[in-house]
């Protein structure tokens, strides 16, 4: 009996991780056609189908489910064989695609890419910037390796490592609001009606009086919020790291500082059973050493 091809097994485990042949092909640097051919040949060698595929869904067959842990073990043993005879060899290059919101990518991640490259020269970190729903969709589908955000996690298919506390501050370009009685005369600026940032203030508000702003405007991202607050178009709750430079120079002022807003946390989030789980955990450890405010400023 012929031995199984290790590259085909690697394609199989990658497809099992992503359940998306196109994303898996990209990860192992093959064309979709060549990748599908590797899977087909492996299925022919084994005499059984490993995946059920439709136009909308890919899932493992019972045979594929039984094969998966043994395939992982075989690949790990093959790598250990390489390590035994090449202990002094240079580490192999690898890539990670990290998704994040535009503002965090520009203010924090892009400035620390050089430091990340110096720490692990064989690793290339690619950034993909988008809004939160798109990021979640892509990491679950396997298009990107991980995401960095503070969104609440609702899928059991994701795991995470906490990076930094995300603190929030209620701001305006002048001290326009001293309590709920001022709200009817102001416009509240926020990212969306479904998941407003102002909830961080309301969760900390000790009073019983309700907050009813005269007008609302939703801008979809914190970059737009900051610009509108600077223009005097309204008040908003924003991440402190994003407006600290404005607070320091006085172009924005903290409103009602006696109310201590609730905080959240940035997390590095990736799929369970990711083939580069150890590399992602190591990246999380590095990211913790780079504070959100160490770069200062904000996108102009």
Protein backbone atom coordinates (compact mmCIF):
# COMPACT_ATOMS: atom_id res chain seq x y z
CA UNK A 1 0.00 0.00 0.00
CA UNK A 2 1.33 3.45 -0.96
CA UNK A 3 2.02 5.94 1.84
CA UNK A 4 -0.29 8.95 2.09
CA UNK A 5 1.04 12.21 0.71
CA UNK A 6 1.82 14.67 3.53
CA UNK A 7 0.99 17.73 1.42
CA UNK A 8 -2.44 16.28 0.67
CA UNK A 9 -2.97 15.61 4.37
CA UNK A 10 -1.98 19.21 5.10
CA UNK A 11 -4.57 20.38 2.58
CA UNK A 12 -7.13 18.13 4.24
CA UNK A 13 -6.51 19.50 7.75
CA UNK A 14 -6.58 23.07 6.45
CA UNK A 15 -9.90 22.45 4.70
CA UNK A 16 -11.23 20.87 7.91
CA UNK A 17 -10.21 23.97 9.88
CA UNK A 18 -11.78 26.48 7.48
CA UNK A 19 -14.63 24.43 5.97
CA UNK A 20 -14.04 26.66 2.96
CA UNK A 21 -11.97 25.26 0.08
CA UNK A 22 -11.19 28.68 -1.41
CA UNK A 23 -9.90 30.07 1.92
CA UNK A 24 -7.97 26.85 2.59
CA UNK A 25 -6.35 26.95 -0.85
CA UNK A 26 -5.19 30.52 -0.21
CA UNK A 27 -3.70 29.52 3.14
CA UNK A 28 -1.55 26.77 1.60
CA UNK A 29 -0.67 28.87 -1.47
CA UNK A 30 -2.47 26.73 -4.06
CA UNK A 31 -5.02 27.63 -6.68
CA UNK A 32 -8.58 26.48 -5.88
CA UNK A 33 -8.35 23.92 -8.71
CA UNK A 34 -5.05 22.47 -7.52
CA UNK A 35 -6.31 22.36 -3.94
CA UNK A 36 -9.48 20.50 -4.90
CA UNK A 37 -7.36 18.05 -6.91
CA UNK A 38 -5.22 17.32 -3.82
CA UNK A 39 -8.35 16.53 -1.81
CA UNK A 40 -9.77 14.39 -4.63
CA UNK A 41 -6.54 12.34 -4.89
CA UNK A 42 -6.45 11.82 -1.12
CA UNK A 43 -10.07 10.62 -1.19
CA UNK A 44 -9.17 8.23 -4.04
CA UNK A 45 -6.17 6.90 -2.08
CA UNK A 46 -8.37 6.29 0.96
CA UNK A 47 -11.33 5.01 -1.03
CA UNK A 48 -13.86 7.28 0.68
CA UNK A 49 -15.22 10.82 0.63
CA UNK A 50 -13.86 13.14 3.31
CA UNK A 51 -16.18 16.13 2.77
CA UNK A 52 -19.82 16.77 1.98
CA UNK A 53 -19.89 19.86 -0.27
CA UNK A 54 -22.83 21.90 -1.51
CA UNK A 55 -22.97 25.38 -3.01
CA UNK A 56 -23.66 26.79 0.46
CA UNK A 57 -21.88 24.52 2.90
CA UNK A 58 -18.85 22.27 3.40
CA UNK A 59 -18.66 19.74 6.23
CA UNK A 60 -16.68 16.64 7.13
CA UNK A 61 -18.03 13.18 6.48
CA UNK A 62 -17.87 10.59 9.23
CA UNK A 63 -14.69 9.23 7.63
CA UNK A 64 -13.19 12.73 7.49
CA UNK A 65 -14.03 13.30 11.16
CA UNK A 66 -12.27 10.05 12.11
CA UNK A 67 -9.24 10.89 9.98
CA UNK A 68 -8.72 14.45 11.25
CA UNK A 69 -7.01 13.82 14.64
CA UNK A 70 -4.77 11.12 13.12
CA UNK A 71 -3.83 13.41 10.23
CA UNK A 72 -2.86 16.15 12.68
CA UNK A 73 -0.74 13.70 14.65
CA UNK A 74 1.01 12.46 11.51
CA UNK A 75 1.81 16.01 10.35
CA UNK A 76 3.09 16.95 13.80
CA UNK A 77 5.34 13.88 13.85
CA UNK A 78 6.66 14.75 10.39
CA UNK A 79 7.54 18.24 11.62
CA UNK A 80 9.28 16.78 14.66
CA UNK A 81 11.37 14.61 12.32
CA UNK A 82 12.47 17.77 10.52
CA UNK A 83 13.29 19.49 13.81
CA UNK A 84 15.43 16.61 15.02
CA UNK A 85 17.83 16.91 12.07
CA UNK A 86 17.64 20.69 11.70
CA UNK A 87 17.84 22.08 15.23
CA UNK A 88 20.05 24.95 14.04
CA UNK A 89 18.02 25.70 10.91
CA UNK A 90 16.37 29.10 10.53
CA UNK A 91 12.66 29.16 11.39
CA UNK A 92 10.35 28.79 8.43
CA UNK A 93 8.55 31.98 7.34
CA UNK A 94 4.81 32.16 7.96
CA UNK A 95 1.99 34.67 7.62
CA UNK A 96 -0.95 35.81 9.75
CA UNK A 97 -3.85 37.92 8.53
CA UNK A 98 -5.24 40.04 11.38
CA UNK A 99 -8.49 41.95 11.01
CA UNK A 100 -9.35 45.09 12.93
CA UNK A 101 -11.47 48.23 12.81
CA UNK A 102 -10.07 51.03 10.67
CA UNK A 103 -9.33 53.40 13.54
CA UNK A 104 -7.52 50.86 15.70
CA UNK A 105 -5.56 49.62 12.70
CA UNK A 106 -4.36 53.12 11.82
CA UNK A 107 -3.72 54.44 15.33
CA UNK A 108 -2.24 51.36 17.02
CA UNK A 109 -1.49 48.34 14.83
CA UNK A 110 0.16 49.96 11.81
CA UNK A 111 2.66 51.93 13.98
CA UNK A 112 3.77 48.75 15.82
CA UNK A 113 4.21 46.54 12.73
CA UNK A 114 7.95 47.32 12.62
CA UNK A 115 8.35 46.20 16.23
CA UNK A 116 6.38 43.02 15.54
CA UNK A 117 8.59 42.24 12.55
CA UNK A 118 11.74 42.78 14.62
CA UNK A 119 10.46 40.47 17.35
CA UNK A 120 9.70 37.57 14.98
CA UNK A 121 11.44 38.18 11.63
CA UNK A 122 10.06 35.02 10.01
CA UNK A 123 6.47 36.16 10.63
CA UNK A 124 4.59 38.52 8.32
CA UNK A 125 1.49 40.17 9.79
CA UNK A 126 -1.04 41.36 7.24
CA UNK A 127 -3.82 43.75 8.28
CA UNK A 128 -7.41 43.64 7.04
CA UNK A 129 -9.53 46.61 8.12
CA UNK A 130 -13.32 46.56 8.13
CA UNK A 131 -16.34 47.03 10.39
CA UNK A 132 -17.17 44.60 13.19
CA UNK A 133 -19.84 42.46 11.43
CA UNK A 134 -17.55 41.90 8.43
CA UNK A 135 -14.61 41.02 10.67
CA UNK A 136 -16.64 38.45 12.60
CA UNK A 137 -17.97 36.90 9.40
CA UNK A 138 -14.51 36.59 7.86
CA UNK A 139 -12.80 35.08 10.89
CA UNK A 140 -15.56 32.49 11.26
CA UNK A 141 -15.35 31.66 7.56
CA UNK A 142 -11.57 31.34 7.66
CA UNK A 143 -10.78 34.25 5.33
CA UNK A 144 -8.61 35.85 8.02
CA UNK A 145 -6.73 34.26 10.91
CA UNK A 146 -7.84 36.49 13.78
CA UNK A 147 -9.46 39.81 14.65
CA UNK A 148 -8.80 42.46 17.24
CA UNK A 149 -11.85 44.23 18.64
CA UNK A 150 -13.90 44.67 21.79
CA UNK A 151 -17.16 43.27 20.40
CA UNK A 152 -19.02 40.78 22.56
CA UNK A 153 -18.40 37.16 21.53
CA UNK A 154 -21.45 34.98 20.91
CA UNK A 155 -20.00 32.02 18.96
CA UNK A 156 -18.65 28.89 20.63
CA UNK A 157 -16.42 28.49 17.55
CA UNK A 158 -14.21 31.37 18.69
CA UNK A 159 -11.54 31.65 21.35
CA UNK A 160 -9.72 34.76 22.50
CA UNK A 161 -6.88 36.33 24.48
CA UNK A 162 -7.47 39.62 26.30
CA UNK A 163 -5.05 42.36 25.23
CA UNK A 164 -5.88 45.76 26.75
CA UNK A 165 -8.65 47.44 28.68
CA UNK A 166 -10.62 49.84 26.50
CA UNK A 167 -11.68 52.87 28.55
CA UNK A 168 -14.35 55.30 27.39
CA UNK A 169 -14.93 59.01 27.95
CA UNK A 170 -17.94 61.29 27.43
CA UNK A 171 -16.70 64.28 25.40
CA UNK A 172 -17.69 67.53 23.72
CA UNK A 173 -15.79 70.50 22.33
CA UNK A 174 -17.12 72.56 25.25
CA UNK A 175 -18.73 71.75 28.63
CA UNK A 176 -22.22 71.51 27.12
CA UNK A 177 -23.69 68.81 29.36
CA UNK A 178 -23.74 68.75 33.15
CA UNK A 179 -26.75 66.44 33.58
CA UNK A 180 -29.84 64.97 31.90
CA UNK A 181 -31.61 68.36 31.92
CA UNK A 182 -29.12 69.55 29.29
CA UNK A 183 -29.72 66.57 26.98
CA UNK A 184 -32.82 67.97 25.15
CA UNK A 185 -30.69 70.90 23.95
CA UNK A 186 -27.88 68.67 22.56
CA UNK A 187 -27.32 66.19 19.78
CA UNK A 188 -25.91 62.79 20.70
CA UNK A 189 -23.45 61.42 18.15
CA UNK A 190 -22.98 57.63 18.10
CA UNK A 191 -21.86 54.74 15.91
CA UNK A 192 -25.27 53.05 15.58
CA UNK A 193 -28.67 52.76 17.20
CA UNK A 194 -28.26 48.99 17.69
CA UNK A 195 -25.00 49.08 19.65
CA UNK A 196 -24.50 52.65 20.90
CA UNK A 197 -21.32 53.71 22.65
CA UNK A 198 -23.45 55.88 24.94
CA UNK A 199 -24.47 52.66 26.71
CA UNK A 200 -21.10 52.77 28.51
CA UNK A 201 -22.22 56.04 30.12
CA UNK A 202 -25.77 54.85 30.86
CA UNK A 203 -24.46 51.69 32.53
CA UNK A 204 -22.49 53.90 34.94
CA UNK A 205 -25.10 56.64 35.41
CA UNK A 206 -26.25 56.54 39.06
CA UNK A 207 -29.31 58.77 38.70
CA UNK A 208 -32.90 57.80 37.99
CA UNK A 209 -33.56 60.61 35.52
CA UNK A 210 -33.69 59.49 31.89
CA UNK A 211 -31.48 60.87 29.15
CA UNK A 212 -33.48 62.21 26.19
CA UNK A 213 -31.35 64.03 23.67
CA UNK A 214 -32.94 66.50 21.31
CA UNK A 215 -31.38 64.87 18.27
CA UNK A 216 -29.27 61.84 17.32
CA UNK A 217 -26.82 61.21 14.51
CA UNK A 218 -25.21 57.84 13.71
CA UNK A 219 -21.89 57.82 11.86
CA UNK A 220 -20.83 54.15 11.77
CA UNK A 221 -17.31 54.62 13.19
CA UNK A 222 -15.36 56.46 15.85
CA UNK A 223 -13.30 58.45 13.33
CA UNK A 224 -16.42 60.23 12.12
CA UNK A 225 -17.64 60.73 15.67
CA UNK A 226 -14.43 62.46 16.68
CA UNK A 227 -14.52 64.79 13.68
CA UNK A 228 -18.13 65.83 14.35
CA UNK A 229 -17.50 66.42 18.06
CA UNK A 230 -14.49 68.58 17.20
CA UNK A 231 -16.76 70.58 14.87
CA UNK A 232 -19.18 71.18 17.74
CA UNK A 233 -21.92 69.11 16.11
CA UNK A 234 -22.76 67.23 19.31
CA UNK A 235 -21.46 65.13 22.18
CA UNK A 236 -20.34 61.50 22.17
CA UNK A 237 -18.82 58.65 24.12
CA UNK A 238 -15.48 57.65 22.56
CA UNK A 239 -12.55 55.35 23.44
CA UNK A 240 -10.11 57.29 25.58
CA UNK A 241 -7.06 56.12 23.59
CA UNK A 242 -8.58 57.66 20.46
CA UNK A 243 -9.14 61.15 21.90
CA UNK A 244 -6.48 61.42 24.61
CA UNK A 245 -4.38 63.80 22.48
CA UNK A 246 -7.46 66.02 21.99
CA UNK A 247 -8.14 66.04 25.73
CA UNK A 248 -4.51 66.86 26.47
CA UNK A 249 -4.47 69.89 24.17
CA UNK A 250 -7.96 71.08 25.13
CA UNK A 251 -9.72 70.71 21.76
CA UNK A 252 -12.08 68.29 23.50
CA UNK A 253 -13.25 68.31 27.12
CA UNK A 254 -14.41 65.44 29.29
CA UNK A 255 -18.06 65.84 30.23
CA UNK A 256 -19.28 64.86 33.69
CA UNK A 257 -15.93 63.33 34.79
CA UNK A 258 -17.48 62.40 38.12
CA UNK A 259 -19.30 59.55 36.33
CA UNK A 260 -16.87 56.66 35.91
CA UNK A 261 -17.78 55.00 32.63
CA UNK A 262 -17.80 51.25 32.23
CA UNK A 263 -14.82 49.81 30.39
CA UNK A 264 -14.45 46.96 27.93
CA UNK A 265 -11.45 45.03 26.65
CA UNK A 266 -9.71 44.54 23.32
CA UNK A 267 -9.25 40.86 22.47
CA UNK A 268 -7.39 38.87 19.87
CA UNK A 269 -10.05 36.47 18.60
CA UNK A 270 -9.57 33.39 16.42
CA UNK A 271 -11.30 30.13 15.53
CA UNK A 272 -11.03 27.14 17.81
CA UNK A 273 -8.65 24.44 16.53
CA UNK A 274 -6.81 26.98 14.39
CA UNK A 275 -3.66 25.36 12.91
CA UNK A 276 -1.54 28.32 14.09
CA UNK A 277 -3.04 28.49 17.56
CA UNK A 278 0.38 28.68 19.25
CA UNK A 279 1.51 31.49 16.93
CA UNK A 280 -1.65 33.47 17.68
CA UNK A 281 -1.20 33.05 21.41
CA UNK A 282 2.40 34.26 21.05
CA UNK A 283 1.19 37.27 19.05
CA UNK A 284 -1.29 38.11 21.81
CA UNK A 285 1.55 38.10 24.35
CA UNK A 286 3.49 40.56 22.17
CA UNK A 287 0.52 42.84 21.61
CA UNK A 288 0.05 43.16 25.37
CA UNK A 289 3.48 44.81 25.55
CA UNK A 290 2.36 47.65 23.24
CA UNK A 291 -0.02 49.98 25.15
CA UNK A 292 -2.82 51.61 23.19
CA UNK A 293 -1.57 55.09 24.05
CA UNK A 294 2.13 54.61 23.44
CA UNK A 295 1.86 56.05 19.92
CA UNK A 296 -0.32 58.96 20.99
CA UNK A 297 -2.37 61.07 18.61
CA UNK A 298 -4.97 59.95 16.14
CA UNK A 299 -5.50 59.88 12.42
CA UNK A 300 -5.65 63.40 11.00
